Amino acid sequence: MKTKILGRTGLEVPIVGLGAAFIGIPTANQAAEEYPEDPNNLRGDEFLTSYMEEDLGMRTIHAAIEAGSTLIDTAPLYGGTRSETTVGQALRARPDLAAKCTVTTKVGQITMDAKDYSFDAILRDVEASQERLGIEQFDVLYIHDPMDIPMEQVMGQDGALGALRKLQKQGTVRFVGAAANDPHTNAPYIETGEFDAAVLPEAWSLLNQLAAERILPAAEKHNVGIVVATPLERGLLATGPIADINYLARNFSQACLDHVSKIQTLCGDYNIPMVAASLQWCTRHPQVASTIPGARTPAEAMENAKAGAVEIPDDFWDDLAPLVRHFEIGVDR
């Protein structure tokens, strides 16, 4: 697996990690239903309809680490805390693998409709994540999805950032990051220069270059390490178009699907898996250290990890360049 340095943190990370929002979910269409927007479908901090299976999730984590994806990104939100619990169980079961990997998680959001970025809430979030994951010190903790929350509240001494700064002084966390599922929210946080790293969804892929406008320039200015989420656009850039697949929060036009088929043909001409081209293209930007595609199963985790080790010639990148386009892909924010 190829590695890069995560910005000013100095952490060495694999260019393909594991996004743990969908671990242990048997099918793609079930994954698309994992995060309902209807509050009536929630109970406390658990989802009534979670499709995550702990055994399958644990095997997915083990397969990812064994294949070289030693960066695992999770959050209390994912599976209504099931993701963190499964990651913790997987690491306890295989301490040899736990010793090889970096686990990052997030604070501020427990369910789709429950957010709290107050000082005390963040301390509670971290304590609960420590217990679920079995981790005392985190390399990176991210402030999660502060959309529609006043920035001064999140960044204040009595808010999320103030709590994380206290935890830094105590040694509970080494570096602080931002992770918003909306690029227009992520951008101003990264522009402050306060954050060492950022998880970047919905803004950087072969089909989406929104990050080039504000996010990546700000990351370069402040040496913020970028970890790209949704780099495969819910699997489209791994498999090509497949009928009857629910691409979560995506509405790909026929022109977009046809364009992906052209990319797939080029990859075939060079005998390069499209998943490898899609993931490695993201990390060709100097500020992007890693990608965290959301593998559901051991097979997906191993395929993604192998993609990070494929050697891709310069001629391919030259031929791919004209096919890199920004589409309005119907991301539902």
C-alpha atoms as a PDB file:
ATOM      1  CA  MET A   1       0.000   0.000   0.000  1.00  0.00           C
ATOM      2  CA  LYS A   2       1.267   3.456  -0.886  1.00  0.00           C
ATOM      3  CA  THR A   3       1.326   5.991   1.947  1.00  0.00           C
ATOM      4  CA  LYS A   4       1.365   9.782   2.362  1.00  0.00           C
ATOM      5  CA  ILE A   5       1.773  12.268   5.199  1.00  0.00           C
ATOM      6  CA  LEU A   6      -1.447  13.743   6.593  1.00  0.00           C
ATOM      7  CA  GLY A   7      -0.650  17.440   6.335  1.00  0.00           C
ATOM      8  CA  ARG A   8       0.879  19.124   9.358  1.00  0.00           C
ATOM      9  CA  THR A   9       0.025  16.190  11.637  1.00  0.00           C
ATOM     10  CA  GLY A  10       3.036  14.315  10.296  1.00  0.00           C
ATOM     11  CA  LEU A  11       1.052  11.062  10.512  1.00  0.00           C
ATOM     12  CA  GLU A  12       1.846   8.539   7.788  1.00  0.00           C
ATOM     13  CA  VAL A  13      -1.382   7.045   6.440  1.00  0.00           C
ATOM     14  CA  PRO A  14      -2.284   4.658   3.619  1.00  0.00           C
ATOM     15  CA  ILE A  15      -3.715   6.287   0.516  1.00  0.00           C
ATOM     16  CA  VAL A  16      -6.711   3.954   0.872  1.00  0.00           C
ATOM     17  CA  GLY A  17      -8.248   3.582   4.310  1.00  0.00           C
ATOM     18  CA  LEU A  18     -11.596   2.231   5.469  1.00  0.00           C
ATOM     19  CA  GLY A  19     -14.651   4.404   5.899  1.00  0.00           C
ATOM     20  CA  ALA A  20     -16.778   2.629   8.506  1.00  0.00           C
ATOM     21  CA  ALA A  21     -20.204   4.129   7.840  1.00  0.00           C
ATOM     22  CA  PHE A  22     -21.441   0.977   6.082  1.00  0.00           C
ATOM     23  CA  ILE A  23     -19.371  -1.858   7.548  1.00  0.00           C
ATOM     24  CA  GLY A  24     -21.270  -5.104   7.886  1.00  0.00           C
ATOM     25  CA  ILE A  25     -24.220  -4.135   5.688  1.00  0.00           C
ATOM     26  CA  PRO A  26     -24.857  -7.036   3.297  1.00  0.00           C
ATOM     27  CA  THR A  27     -26.187  -5.200   0.221  1.00  0.00           C
ATOM     28  CA  ALA A  28     -25.719  -1.838  -1.473  1.00  0.00           C
ATOM     29  CA  ASN A  29     -29.431  -1.089  -1.430  1.00  0.00           C
ATOM     30  CA  GLN A  30     -29.591  -1.758   2.325  1.00  0.00           C
ATOM     31  CA  ALA A  31     -26.666   0.635   2.776  1.00  0.00           C
ATOM     32  CA  ALA A  32     -28.640   3.307   0.926  1.00  0.00           C
ATOM     33  CA  GLU A  33     -31.392   2.977   3.543  1.00  0.00           C
ATOM     34  CA  GLU A  34     -29.090   3.016   6.601  1.00  0.00           C
ATOM     35  CA  TYR A  35     -29.433   6.704   7.451  1.00  0.00           C
ATOM     36  CA  PRO A  36     -33.127   7.687   7.384  1.00  0.00           C
ATOM     37  CA  GLU A  37     -34.062  11.337   7.563  1.00  0.00           C
ATOM     38  CA  ASP A  38     -37.385  10.541   9.254  1.00  0.00           C
ATOM     39  CA  PRO A  39     -37.002  11.177  13.021  1.00  0.00           C
ATOM     40  CA  ASN A  40     -39.751   8.600  13.631  1.00  0.00           C
ATOM     41  CA  ASN A  41     -37.305   5.955  12.461  1.00  0.00           C
ATOM     42  CA  LEU A  42     -34.898   6.687  15.299  1.00  0.00           C
ATOM     43  CA  ARG A  43     -34.857   5.484  18.896  1.00  0.00           C
ATOM     44  CA  GLY A  44     -32.414   7.206  21.222  1.00  0.00           C
ATOM     45  CA  ASP A  45     -29.012   6.856  19.608  1.00  0.00           C
ATOM     46  CA  GLU A  46     -29.876   3.704  17.673  1.00  0.00           C
ATOM     47  CA  PHE A  47     -31.486   3.250  14.286  1.00  0.00           C
ATOM     48  CA  LEU A  48     -34.453   0.912  14.228  1.00  0.00           C
ATOM     49  CA  THR A  49     -33.607  -0.196  10.707  1.00  0.00           C
ATOM     50  CA  SER A  50     -29.829  -0.557  10.953  1.00  0.00           C
ATOM     51  CA  TYR A  51     -28.594  -3.268   8.643  1.00  0.00           C
ATOM     52  CA  MET A  52     -25.124  -3.495  10.204  1.00  0.00           C
ATOM     53  CA  GLU A  53     -24.163  -7.047  11.152  1.00  0.00           C
ATOM     54  CA  GLU A  54     -21.418  -7.164  13.778  1.00  0.00           C
ATOM     55  CA  ASP A  55     -19.711 -10.348  12.601  1.00  0.00           C
ATOM     56  CA  LEU A  56     -19.644  -9.208   8.983  1.00  0.00           C
ATOM     57  CA  GLY A  57     -18.425  -5.790  10.092  1.00  0.00           C
ATOM     58  CA  MET A  58     -15.614  -7.264  12.178  1.00  0.00           C
ATOM     59  CA  ARG A  59     -14.475  -9.451   9.300  1.00  0.00           C
ATOM     60  CA  THR A  60     -14.534  -6.392   7.019  1.00  0.00           C
ATOM     61  CA  ILE A  61     -12.294  -4.453   9.420  1.00  0.00           C
ATOM     62  CA  HIS A  62      -9.860  -7.343   9.781  1.00  0.00           C
ATOM     63  CA  ALA A  63      -9.681  -7.803   6.015  1.00  0.00           C
ATOM     64  CA  ALA A  64      -9.053  -4.094   5.461  1.00  0.00           C
ATOM     65  CA  ILE A  65      -6.188  -3.883   7.954  1.00  0.00           C
ATOM     66  CA  GLU A  66      -4.607  -7.122   6.743  1.00  0.00           C
ATOM     67  CA  ALA A  67      -4.695  -5.773   3.175  1.00  0.00           C
ATOM     68  CA  GLY A  68      -2.998  -2.513   4.176  1.00  0.00           C
ATOM     69  CA  SER A  69      -5.902  -0.136   4.841  1.00  0.00           C
ATOM     70  CA  THR A  70      -4.630   0.769   8.288  1.00  0.00           C
ATOM     71  CA  LEU A  71      -6.602   4.033   8.608  1.00  0.00           C
ATOM     72  CA  ILE A  72     -10.133   3.471   9.927  1.00  0.00           C
ATOM     73  CA  ASP A  73     -12.557   6.372  10.083  1.00  0.00           C
ATOM     74  CA  THR A  74     -15.734   6.017  12.108  1.00  0.00           C
ATOM     75  CA  ALA A  75     -18.236   8.161  14.070  1.00  0.00           C
ATOM     76  CA  PRO A  76     -20.943   7.753  16.722  1.00  0.00           C
ATOM     77  CA  LEU A  77     -23.491   8.614  14.014  1.00  0.00           C
ATOM     78  CA  TYR A  78     -22.634   5.588  11.900  1.00  0.00           C
ATOM     79  CA  GLY A  79     -25.141   2.850  12.567  1.00  0.00           C
ATOM     80  CA  GLY A  80     -26.310   4.674  15.692  1.00  0.00           C
ATOM     81  CA  THR A  81     -22.984   3.891  17.466  1.00  0.00           C
ATOM     82  CA  ARG A  82     -22.894   0.360  16.005  1.00  0.00           C
ATOM     83  CA  SER A  83     -19.922   1.239  13.801  1.00  0.00           C
ATOM     84  CA  GLU A  84     -17.778   2.364  16.729  1.00  0.00           C
ATOM     85  CA  THR A  85     -18.833  -0.675  18.757  1.00  0.00           C
ATOM     86  CA  THR A  86     -17.973  -3.028  15.900  1.00  0.00           C
ATOM     87  CA  VAL A  87     -14.601  -1.375  15.324  1.00  0.00           C
ATOM     88  CA  GLY A  88     -13.852  -1.714  19.023  1.00  0.00           C
ATOM     89  CA  GLN A  89     -14.828  -5.378  19.051  1.00  0.00           C
ATOM     90  CA  ALA A  90     -12.718  -6.060  15.967  1.00  0.00           C
ATOM     91  CA  LEU A  91      -9.644  -4.435  17.495  1.00  0.00           C
ATOM     92  CA  ARG A  92     -10.072  -6.236  20.825  1.00  0.00           C
ATOM     93  CA  ALA A  93     -10.353  -9.545  18.976  1.00  0.00           C
ATOM     94  CA  ARG A  94      -7.152  -8.921  17.002  1.00  0.00           C
ATOM     95  CA  PRO A  95      -4.694  -6.838  19.040  1.00  0.00           C
ATOM     96  CA  ASP A  96      -2.014  -7.627  16.453  1.00  0.00           C
ATOM     97  CA  LEU A  97      -4.044  -5.734  13.862  1.00  0.00           C
ATOM     98  CA  ALA A  98      -5.022  -3.004  16.315  1.00  0.00           C
ATOM     99  CA  ALA A  99      -1.351  -2.214  16.805  1.00  0.00           C
ATOM    100  CA  LYS A 100      -0.989  -1.479  13.098  1.00  0.00           C
ATOM    101  CA  CYS A 101      -3.854   0.928  12.570  1.00  0.00           C
ATOM    102  CA  THR A 102      -4.962   4.491  13.229  1.00  0.00           C
ATOM    103  CA  VAL A 103      -8.602   4.963  14.225  1.00  0.00           C
ATOM    104  CA  THR A 104     -10.233   8.368  13.902  1.00  0.00           C
ATOM    105  CA  THR A 105     -13.708   9.290  15.081  1.00  0.00           C
ATOM    106  CA  LYS A 106     -15.919  12.349  15.421  1.00  0.00           C
ATOM    107  CA  VAL A 107     -17.798  14.462  17.950  1.00  0.00           C
ATOM    108  CA  GLY A 108     -20.958  16.537  18.041  1.00  0.00           C
ATOM    109  CA  GLN A 109     -23.498  14.325  16.309  1.00  0.00           C
ATOM    110  CA  ILE A 110     -24.969  11.058  17.594  1.00  0.00           C
ATOM    111  CA  THR A 111     -28.048  10.726  15.385  1.00  0.00           C
ATOM    112  CA  MET A 112     -29.294  12.383  12.214  1.00  0.00           C
ATOM    113  CA  ASP A 113     -31.445  14.797  14.217  1.00  0.00           C
ATOM    114  CA  ALA A 114     -29.427  15.135  17.439  1.00  0.00           C
ATOM    115  CA  LYS A 115     -26.445  17.501  17.483  1.00  0.00           C
ATOM    116  CA  ASP A 116     -24.752  19.140  20.446  1.00  0.00           C
ATOM    117  CA  TYR A 117     -21.516  21.099  20.112  1.00  0.00           C
ATOM    118  CA  SER A 118     -21.384  22.391  23.675  1.00  0.00           C
ATOM    119  CA  PHE A 119     -18.227  21.938  25.751  1.00  0.00           C
ATOM    120  CA  ASP A 120     -19.714  19.338  28.091  1.00  0.00           C
ATOM    121  CA  ALA A 121     -21.395  17.392  25.287  1.00  0.00           C
ATOM    122  CA  ILE A 122     -18.101  17.001  23.438  1.00  0.00           C
ATOM    123  CA  LEU A 123     -16.388  15.675  26.571  1.00  0.00           C
ATOM    124  CA  ARG A 124     -19.232  13.155  26.964  1.00  0.00           C
ATOM    125  CA  ASP A 125     -18.963  12.159  23.295  1.00  0.00           C
ATOM    126  CA  VAL A 126     -15.257  11.474  23.587  1.00  0.00           C
ATOM    127  CA  GLU A 127     -15.624   9.479  26.783  1.00  0.00           C
ATOM    128  CA  ALA A 128     -18.329   7.327  25.185  1.00  0.00           C
ATOM    129  CA  SER A 129     -16.217   6.778  22.062  1.00  0.00           C
ATOM    130  CA  GLN A 130     -13.238   5.780  24.206  1.00  0.00           C
ATOM    131  CA  GLU A 131     -15.374   3.120  25.853  1.00  0.00           C
ATOM    132  CA  ARG A 132     -16.878   1.781  22.623  1.00  0.00           C
ATOM    133  CA  LEU A 133     -13.582   1.734  20.733  1.00  0.00           C
ATOM    134  CA  GLY A 134     -11.308   0.721  23.608  1.00  0.00           C
ATOM    135  CA  ILE A 135      -8.983   3.622  22.753  1.00  0.00           C
ATOM    136  CA  GLU A 136      -7.624   6.048  25.324  1.00  0.00           C
ATOM    137  CA  GLN A 137      -5.731   8.458  23.059  1.00  0.00           C
ATOM    138  CA  PHE A 138      -6.869   9.475  19.578  1.00  0.00           C
ATOM    139  CA  ASP A 139      -4.557  10.710  16.864  1.00  0.00           C
ATOM    140  CA  VAL A 140      -7.382  12.785  15.317  1.00  0.00           C
ATOM    141  CA  LEU A 141     -10.870  13.764  16.467  1.00  0.00           C
ATOM    142  CA  TYR A 142     -13.113  15.578  13.981  1.00  0.00           C
ATOM    143  CA  ILE A 143     -15.972  17.987  14.645  1.00  0.00           C
ATOM    144  CA  HIS A 144     -18.817  16.287  12.806  1.00  0.00           C
ATOM    145  CA  ASP A 145     -21.425  17.904  10.548  1.00  0.00           C
ATOM    146  CA  PRO A 146     -21.879  21.370  12.098  1.00  0.00           C
ATOM    147  CA  MET A 147     -24.226  22.387   9.299  1.00  0.00           C
ATOM    148  CA  ASP A 148     -26.766  25.073  10.258  1.00  0.00           C
ATOM    149  CA  ILE A 149     -24.981  25.688  13.593  1.00  0.00           C
ATOM    150  CA  PRO A 150     -23.466  29.147  14.207  1.00  0.00           C
ATOM    151  CA  MET A 151     -19.741  28.834  13.577  1.00  0.00           C
ATOM    152  CA  GLU A 152     -18.843  31.004  16.561  1.00  0.00           C
ATOM    153  CA  GLN A 153     -20.738  28.564  18.775  1.00  0.00           C
ATOM    154  CA  VAL A 154     -18.802  25.561  17.477  1.00  0.00           C
ATOM    155  CA  MET A 155     -15.450  27.368  17.547  1.00  0.00           C
ATOM    156  CA  GLY A 156     -15.879  29.064  20.922  1.00  0.00           C
ATOM    157  CA  GLN A 157     -13.952  28.272  24.096  1.00  0.00           C
ATOM    158  CA  ASP A 158     -17.188  26.913  25.575  1.00  0.00           C
ATOM    159  CA  GLY A 159     -17.961  24.954  22.410  1.00  0.00           C
ATOM    160  CA  ALA A 160     -16.630  21.964  20.514  1.00  0.00           C
ATOM    161  CA  LEU A 161     -13.249  23.417  19.622  1.00  0.00           C
ATOM    162  CA  GLY A 162     -12.662  24.622  23.172  1.00  0.00           C
ATOM    163  CA  ALA A 163     -13.376  21.125  24.501  1.00  0.00           C
ATOM    164  CA  LEU A 164     -11.032  19.519  21.985  1.00  0.00           C
ATOM    165  CA  ARG A 165      -8.279  21.999  22.869  1.00  0.00           C
ATOM    166  CA  LYS A 166      -8.669  20.976  26.527  1.00  0.00           C
ATOM    167  CA  LEU A 167      -8.425  17.312  25.511  1.00  0.00           C
ATOM    168  CA  GLN A 168      -5.289  18.131  23.520  1.00  0.00           C
ATOM    169  CA  LYS A 169      -3.665  19.614  26.609  1.00  0.00           C
ATOM    170  CA  GLN A 170      -4.634  16.504  28.574  1.00  0.00           C
ATOM    171  CA  GLY A 171      -3.175  14.225  25.909  1.00  0.00           C
ATOM    172  CA  THR A 172      -6.480  12.577  24.993  1.00  0.00           C
ATOM    173  CA  VAL A 173      -6.256  13.766  21.388  1.00  0.00           C
ATOM    174  CA  ARG A 174      -3.216  14.787  19.376  1.00  0.00           C
ATOM    175  CA  PHE A 175      -4.810  16.608  16.430  1.00  0.00           C
ATOM    176  CA  VAL A 176      -8.147  18.300  15.763  1.00  0.00           C
ATOM    177  CA  GLY A 177     -10.070  18.092  12.506  1.00  0.00           C
ATOM    178  CA  ALA A 178     -13.227  19.206  10.691  1.00  0.00           C
ATOM    179  CA  ALA A 179     -15.628  16.821   8.963  1.00  0.00           C
ATOM    180  CA  ALA A 180     -18.795  18.228   7.437  1.00  0.00           C
ATOM    181  CA  ASN A 181     -20.906  16.346   4.938  1.00  0.00           C
ATOM    182  CA  ASP A 182     -21.443  19.646   3.120  1.00  0.00           C
ATOM    183  CA  PRO A 183     -18.475  21.204   1.276  1.00  0.00           C
ATOM    184  CA  HIS A 184     -19.927  24.676   1.765  1.00  0.00           C
ATOM    185  CA  THR A 185     -19.719  24.109   5.517  1.00  0.00           C
ATOM    186  CA  ASN A 186     -16.306  22.435   5.404  1.00  0.00           C
ATOM    187  CA  ALA A 187     -14.697  25.293   3.485  1.00  0.00           C
ATOM    188  CA  PRO A 188     -14.941  28.106   6.090  1.00  0.00           C
ATOM    189  CA  TYR A 189     -13.763  25.797   8.869  1.00  0.00           C
ATOM    190  CA  ILE A 190     -10.674  24.784   6.905  1.00  0.00           C
ATOM    191  CA  GLU A 191     -10.059  28.415   5.979  1.00  0.00           C
ATOM    192  CA  THR A 192      -9.685  29.345   9.669  1.00  0.00           C
ATOM    193  CA  GLY A 193      -6.389  27.457   9.857  1.00  0.00           C
ATOM    194  CA  GLU A 194      -7.441  26.030  13.233  1.00  0.00           C
ATOM    195  CA  PHE A 195      -7.692  22.450  12.014  1.00  0.00           C
ATOM    196  CA  ASP A 196      -4.893  19.987  11.400  1.00  0.00           C
ATOM    197  CA  ALA A 197      -6.916  17.647   9.186  1.00  0.00           C
ATOM    198  CA  ALA A 198     -10.284  17.402   7.478  1.00  0.00           C
ATOM    199  CA  VAL A 199     -12.547  14.663   6.195  1.00  0.00           C
ATOM    200  CA  LEU A 200     -13.882  15.816   2.861  1.00  0.00           C
ATOM    201  CA  PRO A 201     -17.058  14.180   1.475  1.00  0.00           C
ATOM    202  CA  GLU A 202     -19.026  15.128  -1.611  1.00  0.00           C
ATOM    203  CA  ALA A 203     -16.348  17.352  -3.134  1.00  0.00           C
ATOM    204  CA  TRP A 204     -13.422  15.497  -4.710  1.00  0.00           C
ATOM    205  CA  SER A 205     -13.662  12.680  -7.244  1.00  0.00           C
ATOM    206  CA  LEU A 206     -13.385  12.091 -10.972  1.00  0.00           C
ATOM    207  CA  LEU A 207     -16.950  13.443 -11.190  1.00  0.00           C
ATOM    208  CA  ASN A 208     -16.834  16.217  -8.591  1.00  0.00           C
ATOM    209  CA  GLN A 209     -14.169  18.902  -8.298  1.00  0.00           C
ATOM    210  CA  LEU A 210     -16.003  21.306  -5.995  1.00  0.00           C
ATOM    211  CA  ALA A 211     -13.074  21.214  -3.546  1.00  0.00           C
ATOM    212  CA  ALA A 212     -10.851  23.010  -6.033  1.00  0.00           C
ATOM    213  CA  GLU A 213     -12.765  26.260  -5.478  1.00  0.00           C
ATOM    214  CA  ARG A 214     -12.030  26.954  -1.789  1.00  0.00           C
ATOM    215  CA  ILE A 215     -11.219  23.832   0.191  1.00  0.00           C
ATOM    216  CA  LEU A 216      -7.998  22.643  -1.409  1.00  0.00           C
ATOM    217  CA  PRO A 217      -6.470  26.136  -1.681  1.00  0.00           C
ATOM    218  CA  ALA A 218      -7.179  26.678   2.028  1.00  0.00           C
ATOM    219  CA  ALA A 219      -5.779  23.253   2.886  1.00  0.00           C
ATOM    220  CA  GLU A 220      -2.586  24.069   1.013  1.00  0.00           C
ATOM    221  CA  LYS A 221      -2.283  27.449   2.714  1.00  0.00           C
ATOM    222  CA  HIS A 222      -2.554  25.960   6.207  1.00  0.00           C
ATOM    223  CA  ASN A 223      -1.112  22.499   5.438  1.00  0.00           C
ATOM    224  CA  VAL A 224      -4.337  20.782   6.457  1.00  0.00           C
ATOM    225  CA  GLY A 225      -4.241  17.057   5.750  1.00  0.00           C
ATOM    226  CA  ILE A 226      -7.224  15.993   3.634  1.00  0.00           C
ATOM    227  CA  VAL A 227      -8.940  12.600   3.820  1.00  0.00           C
ATOM    228  CA  VAL A 228     -11.438  12.166   0.985  1.00  0.00           C
ATOM    229  CA  ALA A 229     -14.746  10.466   1.716  1.00  0.00           C
ATOM    230  CA  THR A 230     -17.153   9.353  -1.040  1.00  0.00           C
ATOM    231  CA  PRO A 231     -14.257   9.059  -3.541  1.00  0.00           C
ATOM    232  CA  LEU A 232     -16.095   6.343  -5.482  1.00  0.00           C
ATOM    233  CA  GLU A 233     -19.434   8.180  -5.653  1.00  0.00           C
ATOM    234  CA  ARG A 234     -21.291   5.401  -3.832  1.00  0.00           C
ATOM    235  CA  GLY A 235     -19.607   2.703  -5.915  1.00  0.00           C
ATOM    236  CA  LEU A 236     -20.257   4.058  -9.405  1.00  0.00           C
ATOM    237  CA  LEU A 237     -16.542   4.769  -9.913  1.00  0.00           C
ATOM    238  CA  ALA A 238     -15.644   1.252  -8.821  1.00  0.00           C
ATOM    239  CA  THR A 239     -18.044  -0.824 -10.892  1.00  0.00           C
ATOM    240  CA  GLY A 240     -19.371   1.448 -13.599  1.00  0.00           C
ATOM    241  CA  PRO A 241     -23.123   1.813 -14.102  1.00  0.00           C
ATOM    242  CA  ILE A 242     -25.222  -1.066 -12.765  1.00  0.00           C
ATOM    243  CA  ALA A 243     -28.989  -1.268 -13.159  1.00  0.00           C
ATOM    244  CA  ASP A 244     -31.273  -1.291 -10.102  1.00  0.00           C
ATOM    245  CA  ILE A 245     -28.664   0.069  -7.671  1.00  0.00           C
ATOM    246  CA  ASN A 246     -29.733   2.769  -5.230  1.00  0.00           C
ATOM    247  CA  TYR A 247     -26.835   5.238  -5.229  1.00  0.00           C
ATOM    248  CA  LEU A 248     -27.393   6.930  -1.872  1.00  0.00           C
ATOM    249  CA  ALA A 249     -28.102  10.668  -2.272  1.00  0.00           C
ATOM    250  CA  ARG A 250     -27.083  10.607  -5.928  1.00  0.00           C
ATOM    251  CA  ASN A 251     -29.035  11.339  -9.075  1.00  0.00           C
ATOM    252  CA  PHE A 252     -26.637  10.591 -11.912  1.00  0.00           C
ATOM    253  CA  SER A 253     -27.734  11.892 -15.294  1.00  0.00           C
ATOM    254  CA  GLN A 254     -27.477   9.616 -18.299  1.00  0.00           C
ATOM    255  CA  ALA A 255     -24.715  11.878 -19.610  1.00  0.00           C
ATOM    256  CA  CYS A 256     -22.777  11.284 -16.381  1.00  0.00           C
ATOM    257  CA  LEU A 257     -23.285   7.518 -16.561  1.00  0.00           C
ATOM    258  CA  ASP A 258     -22.165   7.487 -20.188  1.00  0.00           C
ATOM    259  CA  HIS A 259     -19.098   9.487 -19.209  1.00  0.00           C
ATOM    260  CA  VAL A 260     -18.207   6.956 -16.516  1.00  0.00           C
ATOM    261  CA  SER A 261     -18.410   4.245 -19.166  1.00  0.00           C
ATOM    262  CA  LYS A 262     -15.749   6.143 -21.142  1.00  0.00           C
ATOM    263  CA  ILE A 263     -13.497   6.199 -18.078  1.00  0.00           C
ATOM    264  CA  GLN A 264     -14.148   2.490 -17.617  1.00  0.00           C
ATOM    265  CA  THR A 265     -13.146   1.810 -21.231  1.00  0.00           C
ATOM    266  CA  LEU A 266      -9.903   3.738 -20.824  1.00  0.00           C
ATOM    267  CA  CYS A 267      -9.102   1.765 -17.688  1.00  0.00           C
ATOM    268  CA  GLY A 268      -9.762  -1.435 -19.608  1.00  0.00           C
ATOM    269  CA  ASP A 269      -7.399  -0.344 -22.369  1.00  0.00           C
ATOM    270  CA  TYR A 270      -4.617   0.000 -19.800  1.00  0.00           C
ATOM    271  CA  ASN A 271      -5.713  -3.057 -17.789  1.00  0.00           C
ATOM    272  CA  ILE A 272      -6.109  -0.853 -14.701  1.00  0.00           C
ATOM    273  CA  PRO A 273      -9.055  -1.424 -12.331  1.00  0.00           C
ATOM    274  CA  MET A 274     -11.286   1.643 -12.381  1.00  0.00           C
ATOM    275  CA  VAL A 275     -11.418   1.568  -8.587  1.00  0.00           C
ATOM    276  CA  ALA A 276      -7.625   2.008  -8.519  1.00  0.00           C
ATOM    277  CA  ALA A 277      -7.725   4.905 -10.971  1.00  0.00           C
ATOM    278  CA  SER A 278     -10.569   6.589  -9.065  1.00  0.00           C
ATOM    279  CA  LEU A 279      -8.959   6.333  -5.632  1.00  0.00           C
ATOM    280  CA  GLN A 280      -5.416   7.157  -6.687  1.00  0.00           C
ATOM    281  CA  TRP A 281      -6.560  10.149  -8.744  1.00  0.00           C
ATOM    282  CA  CYS A 282      -7.845  11.727  -5.511  1.00  0.00           C
ATOM    283  CA  THR A 283      -4.516  11.394  -3.744  1.00  0.00           C
ATOM    284  CA  ARG A 284      -2.507  12.791  -6.652  1.00  0.00           C
ATOM    285  CA  HIS A 285      -3.335  16.209  -5.213  1.00  0.00           C
ATOM    286  CA  PRO A 286      -0.463  17.062  -2.851  1.00  0.00           C
ATOM    287  CA  GLN A 287      -2.761  17.946   0.059  1.00  0.00           C
ATOM    288  CA  VAL A 288      -4.886  14.792  -0.156  1.00  0.00           C
ATOM    289  CA  ALA A 289      -3.273  12.075   1.959  1.00  0.00           C
ATOM    290  CA  SER A 290      -5.907   9.353   1.949  1.00  0.00           C
ATOM    291  CA  THR A 291      -9.282   8.160   0.757  1.00  0.00           C
ATOM    292  CA  ILE A 292     -11.817   6.316   2.914  1.00  0.00           C
ATOM    293  CA  PRO A 293     -14.236   4.448   0.639  1.00  0.00           C
ATOM    294  CA  GLY A 294     -17.078   2.912   2.608  1.00  0.00           C
ATOM    295  CA  ALA A 295     -16.583  -0.827   2.272  1.00  0.00           C
ATOM    296  CA  ARG A 296     -19.463  -2.998   3.452  1.00  0.00           C
ATOM    297  CA  THR A 297     -17.879  -6.448   3.200  1.00  0.00           C
ATOM    298  CA  PRO A 298     -14.435  -8.100   3.372  1.00  0.00           C
ATOM    299  CA  ALA A 299     -14.383  -8.454  -0.411  1.00  0.00           C
ATOM    300  CA  GLU A 300     -14.970  -4.731  -0.922  1.00  0.00           C
ATOM    301  CA  ALA A 301     -12.378  -3.831   1.703  1.00  0.00           C
ATOM    302  CA  MET A 302      -9.749  -6.033   0.062  1.00  0.00           C
ATOM    303  CA  GLU A 303     -10.554  -4.728  -3.421  1.00  0.00           C
ATOM    304  CA  ASN A 304     -10.219  -1.131  -2.230  1.00  0.00           C
ATOM    305  CA  ALA A 305      -6.954  -1.842  -0.429  1.00  0.00           C
ATOM    306  CA  LYS A 306      -5.448  -3.580  -3.446  1.00  0.00           C
ATOM    307  CA  ALA A 307      -6.366  -0.509  -5.499  1.00  0.00           C
ATOM    308  CA  GLY A 308      -3.978   1.525  -3.380  1.00  0.00           C
ATOM    309  CA  ALA A 309      -1.031  -0.624  -4.443  1.00  0.00           C
ATOM    310  CA  VAL A 310      -1.626  -0.689  -8.214  1.00  0.00           C
ATOM    311  CA  GLU A 311       1.152   0.890 -10.251  1.00  0.00           C
ATOM    312  CA  ILE A 312      -0.341   3.361 -12.731  1.00  0.00           C
ATOM    313  CA  PRO A 313       1.832   4.815 -15.521  1.00  0.00           C
ATOM    314  CA  ASP A 314       2.046   8.512 -16.344  1.00  0.00           C
ATOM    315  CA  ASP A 315       0.638   7.858 -19.817  1.00  0.00           C
ATOM    316  CA  PHE A 316      -2.625   6.718 -18.256  1.00  0.00           C
ATOM    317  CA  TRP A 317      -2.940   9.883 -16.188  1.00  0.00           C
ATOM    318  CA  ASP A 318      -2.276  11.957 -19.310  1.00  0.00           C
ATOM    319  CA  ASP A 319      -5.051  10.148 -21.186  1.00  0.00           C
ATOM    320  CA  LEU A 320      -7.425  10.347 -18.213  1.00  0.00           C
ATOM    321  CA  ALA A 321      -7.002  14.102 -17.725  1.00  0.00           C
ATOM    322  CA  PRO A 322      -9.491  15.136 -20.473  1.00  0.00           C
ATOM    323  CA  LEU A 323     -12.110  12.834 -18.884  1.00  0.00           C
ATOM    324  CA  VAL A 324     -11.945  14.455 -15.447  1.00  0.00           C
ATOM    325  CA  ARG A 325     -15.124  16.531 -15.309  1.00  0.00           C
ATOM    326  CA  HIS A 326     -17.352  18.167 -12.754  1.00  0.00           C
ATOM    327  CA  PHE A 327     -20.971  16.999 -12.883  1.00  0.00           C
ATOM    328  CA  GLU A 328     -23.940  18.182 -10.890  1.00  0.00           C
ATOM    329  CA  ILE A 329     -24.602  14.719  -9.526  1.00  0.00           C
ATOM    330  CA  GLY A 330     -27.589  15.469  -7.375  1.00  0.00           C
ATOM    331  CA  VAL A 331     -25.885  15.246  -4.002  1.00  0.00           C
ATOM    332  CA  ASP A 332     -28.668  15.642  -1.465  1.00  0.00           C
ATOM    333  CA  ARG A 333     -27.454  17.885   1.364  1.00  0.00           C
END
